[in-house]
Amino acid sequence: MSKGCGKLDEAGTAETRSDETYPAKLNKIINLFESLPEDERRETLVSYADNAKKQEPREGENFNLVDVRKDEECMDTVGVYLHVDENGRAHIRMTLGPEVQTLTRAMTAVLCKGLEGCTPQEILDLPSDFVTRIVGAELVRIRSQTIYYVLTRIKSICKVYLDRQRMARVA
């Protein structure tokens, strides 16, 4: 599949089911994946994985928090970069080592795009049940730790940011 993720994201708007539980951008991506048969869903995940590099920090960007490490549940180093703008909106970038699996790469692109512009609290409060709706029950069963890893890391950096903000207000 040669479509770029931008075209894929737009395809998710055809029969968009509005769900207030998720941010609008993420909801479009969820709807896209739910509309696809299993083989196309996997092809689309690979397309998102191929575009994960576009989620890396760009020259000149500044971040409130940076968390780069290799965890037990991941094949390689993963970096999560959080910038919260003057309006309180989060912008997440990520770096992935060369050994990071395709599904983790795909979820990186999905989450960075789908959570763009949310508040750190909205990200922290996000239920994880949408993951199955994107990757399908079979892949969740086979690769459950991999699939939730990126979401856990993003939520973790948002929690640290919010904790630091609370401490700064107290001080």
N, C-alpha and C. Protein backbone atom coordinates (compact mmCIF):
# COMPACT_ATOMS: atom_id res chain seq x y z
N MET A 1 0.86 -1.18 0.00
CA MET A 1 0.00 0.00 0.00
C MET A 1 0.90 1.23 0.00
N SER A 2 0.73 2.10 -0.97
CA SER A 2 1.63 3.23 -1.09
C SER A 2 1.06 4.52 -0.53
N LYS A 3 -0.13 4.47 0.03
CA LYS A 3 -0.72 5.70 0.59
C LYS A 3 0.12 6.20 1.76
N GLY A 4 0.25 7.51 1.86
CA GLY A 4 0.88 8.09 3.04
C GLY A 4 -0.13 8.12 4.17
N CYS A 5 0.33 8.31 5.37
CA CYS A 5 -0.57 8.31 6.53
C CYS A 5 -1.58 9.44 6.45
N GLY A 6 -1.21 10.58 5.88
CA GLY A 6 -2.15 11.68 5.76
C GLY A 6 -3.38 11.28 4.96
N LYS A 7 -3.16 10.59 3.83
CA LYS A 7 -4.27 10.11 3.03
C LYS A 7 -5.05 9.05 3.79
N LEU A 8 -4.36 8.22 4.54
CA LEU A 8 -5.04 7.20 5.34
C LEU A 8 -5.90 7.85 6.40
N ASP A 9 -5.38 8.87 7.06
CA ASP A 9 -6.16 9.57 8.09
C ASP A 9 -7.43 10.16 7.48
N GLU A 10 -7.29 10.75 6.30
CA GLU A 10 -8.46 11.33 5.64
C GLU A 10 -9.49 10.27 5.30
N ALA A 11 -9.03 9.07 4.94
CA ALA A 11 -9.95 7.98 4.60
C ALA A 11 -10.81 7.60 5.80
N GLY A 12 -10.34 7.85 6.99
CA GLY A 12 -11.09 7.51 8.19
C GLY A 12 -12.26 8.44 8.44
N THR A 13 -12.43 9.47 7.61
CA THR A 13 -13.53 10.41 7.84
C THR A 13 -14.80 10.03 7.10
N ALA A 14 -14.73 9.05 6.21
CA ALA A 14 -15.90 8.70 5.40
C ALA A 14 -17.11 8.33 6.26
N GLU A 15 -16.97 7.39 7.14
CA GLU A 15 -18.08 6.98 8.00
C GLU A 15 -17.67 7.14 9.44
N THR A 16 -17.27 8.33 9.81
CA THR A 16 -16.78 8.57 11.15
C THR A 16 -17.89 8.46 12.18
N ARG A 17 -17.65 7.61 13.13
CA ARG A 17 -18.56 7.45 14.25
C ARG A 17 -18.00 8.30 15.37
N SER A 18 -18.76 9.27 15.81
CA SER A 18 -18.28 10.18 16.83
C SER A 18 -18.31 9.50 18.20
N ASP A 19 -17.19 9.52 18.87
CA ASP A 19 -17.09 8.94 20.20
C ASP A 19 -16.38 9.96 21.08
N GLU A 20 -17.09 10.54 21.99
CA GLU A 20 -16.56 11.59 22.86
C GLU A 20 -15.43 11.09 23.77
N THR A 21 -15.29 9.77 23.89
CA THR A 21 -14.26 9.20 24.75
C THR A 21 -12.86 9.49 24.24
N TYR A 22 -12.73 9.62 22.94
CA TYR A 22 -11.41 9.77 22.32
C TYR A 22 -11.28 11.14 21.65
N PRO A 23 -10.06 11.66 21.57
CA PRO A 23 -9.84 12.90 20.83
C PRO A 23 -10.26 12.71 19.37
N ALA A 24 -10.70 13.77 18.73
CA ALA A 24 -11.23 13.69 17.36
C ALA A 24 -10.24 13.06 16.38
N LYS A 25 -8.97 13.46 16.46
CA LYS A 25 -7.97 12.92 15.52
C LYS A 25 -7.79 11.42 15.73
N LEU A 26 -7.74 10.99 16.97
CA LEU A 26 -7.60 9.56 17.26
C LEU A 26 -8.86 8.82 16.83
N ASN A 27 -10.01 9.42 17.05
CA ASN A 27 -11.28 8.79 16.67
C ASN A 27 -11.34 8.53 15.16
N LYS A 28 -10.83 9.46 14.36
CA LYS A 28 -10.79 9.26 12.91
C LYS A 28 -9.94 8.06 12.55
N ILE A 29 -8.81 7.93 13.22
CA ILE A 29 -7.91 6.80 12.95
C ILE A 29 -8.58 5.49 13.38
N ILE A 30 -9.22 5.48 14.52
CA ILE A 30 -9.93 4.29 15.00
C ILE A 30 -10.99 3.89 13.98
N ASN A 31 -11.78 4.86 13.52
CA ASN A 31 -12.83 4.57 12.54
C ASN A 31 -12.26 4.02 11.24
N LEU A 32 -11.12 4.56 10.81
CA LEU A 32 -10.47 4.05 9.61
C LEU A 32 -10.15 2.57 9.78
N PHE A 33 -9.47 2.23 10.86
CA PHE A 33 -9.07 0.84 11.07
C PHE A 33 -10.27 -0.08 11.22
N GLU A 34 -11.31 0.37 11.89
CA GLU A 34 -12.50 -0.47 12.06
C GLU A 34 -13.23 -0.73 10.75
N SER A 35 -13.03 0.15 9.78
CA SER A 35 -13.71 -0.02 8.49
C SER A 35 -12.98 -0.99 7.56
N LEU A 36 -11.77 -1.39 7.92
CA LEU A 36 -10.95 -2.21 7.03
C LEU A 36 -11.08 -3.70 7.32
N PRO A 37 -11.05 -4.52 6.25
CA PRO A 37 -10.95 -5.97 6.47
C PRO A 37 -9.56 -6.28 7.06
N GLU A 38 -9.42 -7.43 7.66
CA GLU A 38 -8.19 -7.78 8.40
C GLU A 38 -6.92 -7.61 7.57
N ASP A 39 -6.90 -8.07 6.32
CA ASP A 39 -5.68 -7.96 5.52
C ASP A 39 -5.31 -6.50 5.25
N GLU A 40 -6.30 -5.66 4.97
CA GLU A 40 -6.03 -4.24 4.75
C GLU A 40 -5.63 -3.54 6.05
N ARG A 41 -6.19 -3.99 7.15
CA ARG A 41 -5.83 -3.43 8.45
C ARG A 41 -4.33 -3.63 8.69
N ARG A 42 -3.85 -4.82 8.41
CA ARG A 42 -2.41 -5.11 8.62
C ARG A 42 -1.54 -4.31 7.66
N GLU A 43 -1.99 -4.18 6.40
CA GLU A 43 -1.24 -3.36 5.45
C GLU A 43 -1.18 -1.90 5.91
N THR A 44 -2.28 -1.42 6.44
CA THR A 44 -2.35 -0.04 6.91
C THR A 44 -1.45 0.16 8.13
N LEU A 45 -1.40 -0.83 9.01
CA LEU A 45 -0.48 -0.77 10.16
C LEU A 45 0.96 -0.68 9.66
N VAL A 46 1.29 -1.45 8.65
CA VAL A 46 2.65 -1.41 8.09
C VAL A 46 2.92 -0.02 7.50
N SER A 47 1.92 0.56 6.83
CA SER A 47 2.08 1.90 6.27
C SER A 47 2.34 2.93 7.38
N TYR A 48 1.59 2.82 8.47
CA TYR A 48 1.83 3.71 9.61
C TYR A 48 3.24 3.47 10.16
N ALA A 49 3.65 2.22 10.28
CA ALA A 49 4.98 1.91 10.80
C ALA A 49 6.06 2.53 9.91
N ASP A 50 5.85 2.49 8.61
CA ASP A 50 6.81 3.08 7.68
C ASP A 50 6.92 4.59 7.84
N ASN A 51 5.88 5.20 8.40
CA ASN A 51 5.87 6.65 8.59
C ASN A 51 6.23 7.08 10.01
N ALA A 52 6.64 6.14 10.86
CA ALA A 52 6.96 6.46 12.25
C ALA A 52 8.12 7.46 12.35
N LYS A 53 9.04 7.42 11.41
CA LYS A 53 10.18 8.35 11.43
C LYS A 53 9.73 9.81 11.37
N LYS A 54 8.56 10.04 10.78
CA LYS A 54 8.04 11.41 10.69
C LYS A 54 7.62 11.95 12.05
N GLN A 55 7.59 11.09 13.05
CA GLN A 55 7.19 11.51 14.40
C GLN A 55 8.40 11.87 15.26
N GLU A 56 9.58 11.86 14.68
CA GLU A 56 10.79 12.20 15.43
C GLU A 56 10.87 13.71 15.65
N PRO A 57 11.63 14.12 16.68
CA PRO A 57 11.81 15.56 16.93
C PRO A 57 12.39 16.25 15.70
N ARG A 58 11.93 17.46 15.49
CA ARG A 58 12.42 18.26 14.35
C ARG A 58 13.41 19.29 14.86
N GLU A 59 14.28 19.70 13.98
CA GLU A 59 15.30 20.69 14.35
C GLU A 59 14.63 21.95 14.89
N GLY A 60 15.15 22.43 16.01
CA GLY A 60 14.65 23.65 16.60
C GLY A 60 13.51 23.47 17.59
N GLU A 61 12.97 22.26 17.69
CA GLU A 61 11.89 22.03 18.66
C GLU A 61 12.46 21.94 20.07
N ASN A 62 11.73 22.49 21.01
CA ASN A 62 12.11 22.41 22.42
C ASN A 62 11.07 21.58 23.15
N PHE A 63 11.52 20.87 24.18
CA PHE A 63 10.63 19.97 24.90
C PHE A 63 10.66 20.23 26.39
N ASN A 64 9.50 20.08 27.02
CA ASN A 64 9.41 20.21 28.47
C ASN A 64 10.02 18.99 29.15
N LEU A 65 9.84 17.83 28.55
CA LEU A 65 10.37 16.59 29.10
C LEU A 65 10.86 15.69 27.98
N VAL A 66 11.94 14.97 28.26
CA VAL A 66 12.48 13.99 27.34
C VAL A 66 12.75 12.73 28.14
N ASP A 67 12.28 11.59 27.64
CA ASP A 67 12.47 10.30 28.31
C ASP A 67 12.95 9.29 27.27
N VAL A 68 14.26 9.04 27.24
CA VAL A 68 14.85 8.11 26.29
C VAL A 68 15.43 6.95 27.09
N ARG A 69 14.95 5.74 26.79
CA ARG A 69 15.46 4.56 27.51
C ARG A 69 15.06 3.29 26.79
N LYS A 70 15.72 2.21 27.19
CA LYS A 70 15.37 0.87 26.71
C LYS A 70 14.75 0.12 27.89
N ASP A 71 13.51 -0.29 27.72
CA ASP A 71 12.82 -1.05 28.74
C ASP A 71 12.88 -2.54 28.42
N GLU A 72 12.62 -3.35 29.43
CA GLU A 72 12.61 -4.80 29.26
C GLU A 72 11.64 -5.24 28.18
N GLU A 73 10.44 -4.61 28.14
CA GLU A 73 9.41 -5.07 27.22
C GLU A 73 9.58 -4.57 25.79
N CYS A 74 10.68 -3.88 25.50
CA CYS A 74 10.90 -3.38 24.15
C CYS A 74 12.25 -3.87 23.63
N MET A 75 12.33 -4.05 22.32
CA MET A 75 13.54 -4.59 21.69
C MET A 75 14.70 -3.59 21.62
N ASP A 76 14.40 -2.31 21.73
CA ASP A 76 15.43 -1.30 21.53
C ASP A 76 15.04 -0.02 22.29
N THR A 77 15.87 0.97 22.16
CA THR A 77 15.64 2.25 22.84
C THR A 77 14.47 3.00 22.20
N VAL A 78 13.63 3.59 23.07
CA VAL A 78 12.51 4.41 22.62
C VAL A 78 12.62 5.75 23.36
N GLY A 79 12.50 6.82 22.61
CA GLY A 79 12.52 8.16 23.20
C GLY A 79 11.16 8.81 23.06
N VAL A 80 10.69 9.39 24.16
CA VAL A 80 9.42 10.12 24.15
C VAL A 80 9.74 11.56 24.51
N TYR A 81 9.29 12.49 23.67
CA TYR A 81 9.57 13.91 23.82
C TYR A 81 8.24 14.64 23.94
N LEU A 82 8.08 15.41 25.01
CA LEU A 82 6.83 16.11 25.25
C LEU A 82 7.05 17.61 25.27
N HIS A 83 6.27 18.30 24.46
CA HIS A 83 6.23 19.76 24.50
C HIS A 83 4.79 20.15 24.78
N VAL A 84 4.60 20.97 25.79
CA VAL A 84 3.27 21.50 26.09
C VAL A 84 3.32 22.98 25.76
N ASP A 85 2.46 23.39 24.82
CA ASP A 85 2.49 24.78 24.35
C ASP A 85 1.81 25.73 25.34
N GLU A 86 1.79 27.00 24.99
CA GLU A 86 1.24 28.04 25.89
C GLU A 86 -0.26 27.87 26.12
N ASN A 87 -0.93 27.09 25.29
CA ASN A 87 -2.35 26.81 25.47
C ASN A 87 -2.60 25.53 26.24
N GLY A 88 -1.52 24.90 26.73
CA GLY A 88 -1.66 23.66 27.50
C GLY A 88 -1.85 22.43 26.65
N ARG A 89 -1.55 22.51 25.35
CA ARG A 89 -1.73 21.39 24.43
C ARG A 89 -0.43 20.64 24.25
N ALA A 90 -0.53 19.32 24.27
CA ALA A 90 0.65 18.45 24.17
C ALA A 90 1.00 18.16 22.72
N HIS A 91 2.29 18.10 22.48
CA HIS A 91 2.84 17.72 21.18
C HIS A 91 3.90 16.67 21.49
N ILE A 92 3.69 15.48 20.96
CA ILE A 92 4.57 14.35 21.30
C ILE A 92 5.37 13.96 20.08
N ARG A 93 6.64 13.76 20.28
CA ARG A 93 7.55 13.23 19.27
C ARG A 93 8.19 11.97 19.86
N MET A 94 8.61 11.09 18.99
CA MET A 94 9.23 9.86 19.47
C MET A 94 10.38 9.44 18.56
N THR A 95 11.37 8.82 19.18
CA THR A 95 12.45 8.20 18.42
C THR A 95 12.43 6.71 18.75
N LEU A 96 12.74 5.91 17.73
CA LEU A 96 12.73 4.46 17.89
C LEU A 96 14.03 3.88 17.38
N GLY A 97 14.63 3.01 18.18
CA GLY A 97 15.84 2.33 17.75
C GLY A 97 15.54 1.38 16.60
N PRO A 98 16.58 0.93 15.89
CA PRO A 98 16.39 0.10 14.69
C PRO A 98 15.76 -1.27 14.96
N GLU A 99 15.82 -1.76 16.18
CA GLU A 99 15.27 -3.08 16.50
C GLU A 99 13.81 -3.05 16.95
N VAL A 100 13.22 -1.87 17.06
CA VAL A 100 11.83 -1.76 17.51
C VAL A 100 10.92 -2.42 16.47
N GLN A 101 9.98 -3.23 16.96
CA GLN A 101 9.10 -4.01 16.09
C GLN A 101 8.13 -3.14 15.30
N THR A 102 7.65 -3.68 14.20
CA THR A 102 6.74 -2.99 13.29
C THR A 102 5.49 -2.50 14.00
N LEU A 103 4.89 -3.32 14.83
CA LEU A 103 3.66 -2.93 15.51
C LEU A 103 3.89 -1.75 16.46
N THR A 104 5.05 -1.74 17.13
CA THR A 104 5.38 -0.62 18.01
C THR A 104 5.57 0.64 17.17
N ARG A 105 6.21 0.51 16.02
CA ARG A 105 6.39 1.64 15.11
C ARG A 105 5.03 2.17 14.65
N ALA A 106 4.14 1.26 14.30
CA ALA A 106 2.80 1.67 13.84
C ALA A 106 2.06 2.41 14.94
N MET A 107 2.08 1.88 16.16
CA MET A 107 1.37 2.53 17.26
C MET A 107 1.99 3.89 17.59
N THR A 108 3.29 4.02 17.38
CA THR A 108 3.95 5.31 17.58
C THR A 108 3.34 6.36 16.65
N ALA A 109 3.26 6.03 15.36
CA ALA A 109 2.69 6.97 14.40
C ALA A 109 1.22 7.26 14.71
N VAL A 110 0.45 6.22 15.02
CA VAL A 110 -0.97 6.39 15.32
C VAL A 110 -1.16 7.31 16.52
N LEU A 111 -0.42 7.05 17.59
CA LEU A 111 -0.61 7.82 18.82
C LEU A 111 -0.09 9.25 18.68
N CYS A 112 1.05 9.44 18.07
CA CYS A 112 1.55 10.81 17.90
C CYS A 112 0.58 11.65 17.07
N LYS A 113 0.03 11.06 16.01
CA LYS A 113 -0.94 11.78 15.19
C LYS A 113 -2.27 11.94 15.91
N GLY A 114 -2.73 10.88 16.52
CA GLY A 114 -4.05 10.89 17.14
C GLY A 114 -4.16 11.71 18.41
N LEU A 115 -3.04 11.90 19.09
CA LEU A 115 -3.05 12.64 20.36
C LEU A 115 -2.54 14.08 20.21
N GLU A 116 -2.16 14.45 19.01
CA GLU A 116 -1.65 15.80 18.75
C GLU A 116 -2.66 16.84 19.21
N GLY A 117 -2.22 17.75 20.07
CA GLY A 117 -3.06 18.84 20.51
C GLY A 117 -3.95 18.54 21.71
N CYS A 118 -3.86 17.35 22.25
CA CYS A 118 -4.61 17.03 23.47
C CYS A 118 -3.89 17.65 24.67
N THR A 119 -4.56 17.75 25.78
CA THR A 119 -3.87 18.18 26.99
C THR A 119 -3.20 16.95 27.62
N PRO A 120 -2.15 17.14 28.41
CA PRO A 120 -1.54 15.99 29.10
C PRO A 120 -2.57 15.23 29.94
N GLN A 121 -3.51 15.94 30.56
CA GLN A 121 -4.53 15.26 31.38
C GLN A 121 -5.45 14.40 30.51
N GLU A 122 -5.81 14.89 29.33
CA GLU A 122 -6.64 14.10 28.42
C GLU A 122 -5.92 12.82 28.01
N ILE A 123 -4.63 12.94 27.77
CA ILE A 123 -3.83 11.76 27.40
C ILE A 123 -3.78 10.78 28.57
N LEU A 124 -3.54 11.30 29.74
CA LEU A 124 -3.47 10.46 30.93
C LEU A 124 -4.79 9.74 31.19
N ASP A 125 -5.91 10.41 30.95
CA ASP A 125 -7.24 9.85 31.20
C ASP A 125 -7.73 8.92 30.08
N LEU A 126 -7.01 8.86 28.99
CA LEU A 126 -7.44 8.09 27.82
C LEU A 126 -7.53 6.61 28.15
N PRO A 127 -8.71 6.00 27.93
CA PRO A 127 -8.81 4.55 28.14
C PRO A 127 -8.03 3.84 27.04
N SER A 128 -7.51 2.67 27.33
CA SER A 128 -6.69 1.96 26.35
C SER A 128 -7.49 0.98 25.50
N ASP A 129 -8.81 0.94 25.66
CA ASP A 129 -9.62 -0.02 24.93
C ASP A 129 -9.65 0.20 23.42
N PHE A 130 -9.24 1.37 22.96
CA PHE A 130 -9.24 1.66 21.53
C PHE A 130 -8.17 0.87 20.78
N VAL A 131 -7.15 0.40 21.48
CA VAL A 131 -6.03 -0.29 20.84
C VAL A 131 -6.52 -1.51 20.07
N THR A 132 -7.38 -2.29 20.66
CA THR A 132 -7.94 -3.47 20.00
C THR A 132 -8.71 -3.07 18.76
N ARG A 133 -9.38 -1.94 18.81
CA ARG A 133 -10.16 -1.47 17.67
C ARG A 133 -9.26 -1.08 16.50
N ILE A 134 -8.03 -0.72 16.78
CA ILE A 134 -7.08 -0.36 15.72
C ILE A 134 -6.36 -1.59 15.18
N VAL A 135 -5.76 -2.37 16.04
CA VAL A 135 -4.92 -3.47 15.57
C VAL A 135 -5.66 -4.79 15.40
N GLY A 136 -6.83 -4.91 15.99
CA GLY A 136 -7.58 -6.15 15.89
C GLY A 136 -7.27 -7.07 17.05
N ALA A 137 -8.22 -7.86 17.43
CA ALA A 137 -8.10 -8.74 18.60
C ALA A 137 -6.97 -9.75 18.48
N GLU A 138 -6.76 -10.27 17.28
CA GLU A 138 -5.74 -11.30 17.09
C GLU A 138 -4.34 -10.75 17.38
N LEU A 139 -4.01 -9.60 16.83
CA LEU A 139 -2.69 -9.03 17.09
C LEU A 139 -2.54 -8.60 18.55
N VAL A 140 -3.62 -8.14 19.17
CA VAL A 140 -3.55 -7.78 20.58
C VAL A 140 -3.20 -9.02 21.40
N ARG A 141 -3.84 -10.13 21.07
CA ARG A 141 -3.59 -11.39 21.78
C ARG A 141 -2.13 -11.83 21.62
N ILE A 142 -1.63 -11.74 20.41
CA ILE A 142 -0.27 -12.21 20.11
C ILE A 142 0.80 -11.26 20.66
N ARG A 143 0.57 -9.97 20.57
CA ARG A 143 1.59 -8.96 20.88
C ARG A 143 1.13 -7.96 21.93
N SER A 144 0.43 -8.41 22.92
CA SER A 144 -0.21 -7.48 23.85
C SER A 144 0.76 -6.49 24.50
N GLN A 145 1.92 -6.96 24.97
CA GLN A 145 2.85 -6.02 25.62
C GLN A 145 3.35 -4.96 24.65
N THR A 146 3.68 -5.38 23.45
CA THR A 146 4.20 -4.47 22.43
C THR A 146 3.19 -3.37 22.13
N ILE A 147 1.94 -3.74 21.99
CA ILE A 147 0.92 -2.81 21.56
C ILE A 147 0.66 -1.72 22.59
N TYR A 148 0.65 -2.06 23.84
CA TYR A 148 0.35 -1.08 24.88
C TYR A 148 1.58 -0.31 25.35
N TYR A 149 2.76 -0.74 24.94
CA TYR A 149 4.01 -0.14 25.40
C TYR A 149 4.08 1.36 25.10
N VAL A 150 3.82 1.74 23.86
CA VAL A 150 3.94 3.15 23.46
C VAL A 150 2.94 4.01 24.23
N LEU A 151 1.71 3.53 24.35
CA LEU A 151 0.69 4.28 25.09
C LEU A 151 1.12 4.46 26.55
N THR A 152 1.66 3.43 27.14
CA THR A 152 2.12 3.50 28.53
C THR A 152 3.24 4.53 28.68
N ARG A 153 4.17 4.55 27.73
CA ARG A 153 5.27 5.51 27.79
C ARG A 153 4.77 6.94 27.63
N ILE A 154 3.83 7.16 26.72
CA ILE A 154 3.28 8.50 26.51
C ILE A 154 2.53 8.96 27.76
N LYS A 155 1.73 8.08 28.33
CA LYS A 155 0.99 8.44 29.55
C LYS A 155 1.97 8.73 30.69
N SER A 156 3.03 7.97 30.76
CA SER A 156 4.02 8.15 31.82
C SER A 156 4.66 9.54 31.77
N ILE A 157 5.04 10.00 30.58
CA ILE A 157 5.68 11.31 30.48
C ILE A 157 4.67 12.42 30.78
N CYS A 158 3.41 12.21 30.41
CA CYS A 158 2.37 13.20 30.74
C CYS A 158 2.14 13.27 32.24
N LYS A 159 2.20 12.14 32.92
CA LYS A 159 2.03 12.11 34.37
C LYS A 159 3.16 12.86 35.06
N VAL A 160 4.39 12.62 34.62
CA VAL A 160 5.53 13.33 35.20
C VAL A 160 5.37 14.83 34.98
N TYR A 161 4.96 15.23 33.79
CA TYR A 161 4.77 16.65 33.49
C TYR A 161 3.72 17.25 34.44
N LEU A 162 2.58 16.59 34.56
CA LEU A 162 1.51 17.10 35.43
C LEU A 162 1.94 17.15 36.89
N ASP A 163 2.67 16.13 37.34
CA ASP A 163 3.17 16.12 38.72
C ASP A 163 4.11 17.30 38.97
N ARG A 164 4.97 17.57 38.01
CA ARG A 164 5.90 18.70 38.14
C ARG A 164 5.15 20.03 38.14
N GLN A 165 4.11 20.14 37.33
CA GLN A 165 3.30 21.35 37.30
C GLN A 165 2.63 21.57 38.66
N ARG A 166 2.10 20.52 39.24
CA ARG A 166 1.45 20.62 40.56
C ARG A 166 2.46 21.05 41.62
N MET A 167 3.65 20.46 41.58
CA MET A 167 4.69 20.79 42.55
C MET A 167 5.13 22.25 42.39
N ALA A 168 5.22 22.73 41.18
CA ALA A 168 5.63 24.11 40.93
C ALA A 168 4.58 25.10 41.48
N ARG A 169 3.32 24.73 41.39
CA ARG A 169 2.26 25.60 41.93
C ARG A 169 2.30 25.64 43.45
N VAL A 170 2.69 24.53 44.07
CA VAL A 170 2.76 24.45 45.53
C VAL A 170 3.96 25.24 46.07
N ALA A 171 5.06 25.18 45.33
CA ALA A 171 6.31 25.80 45.78
C ALA A 171 6.25 27.31 45.79
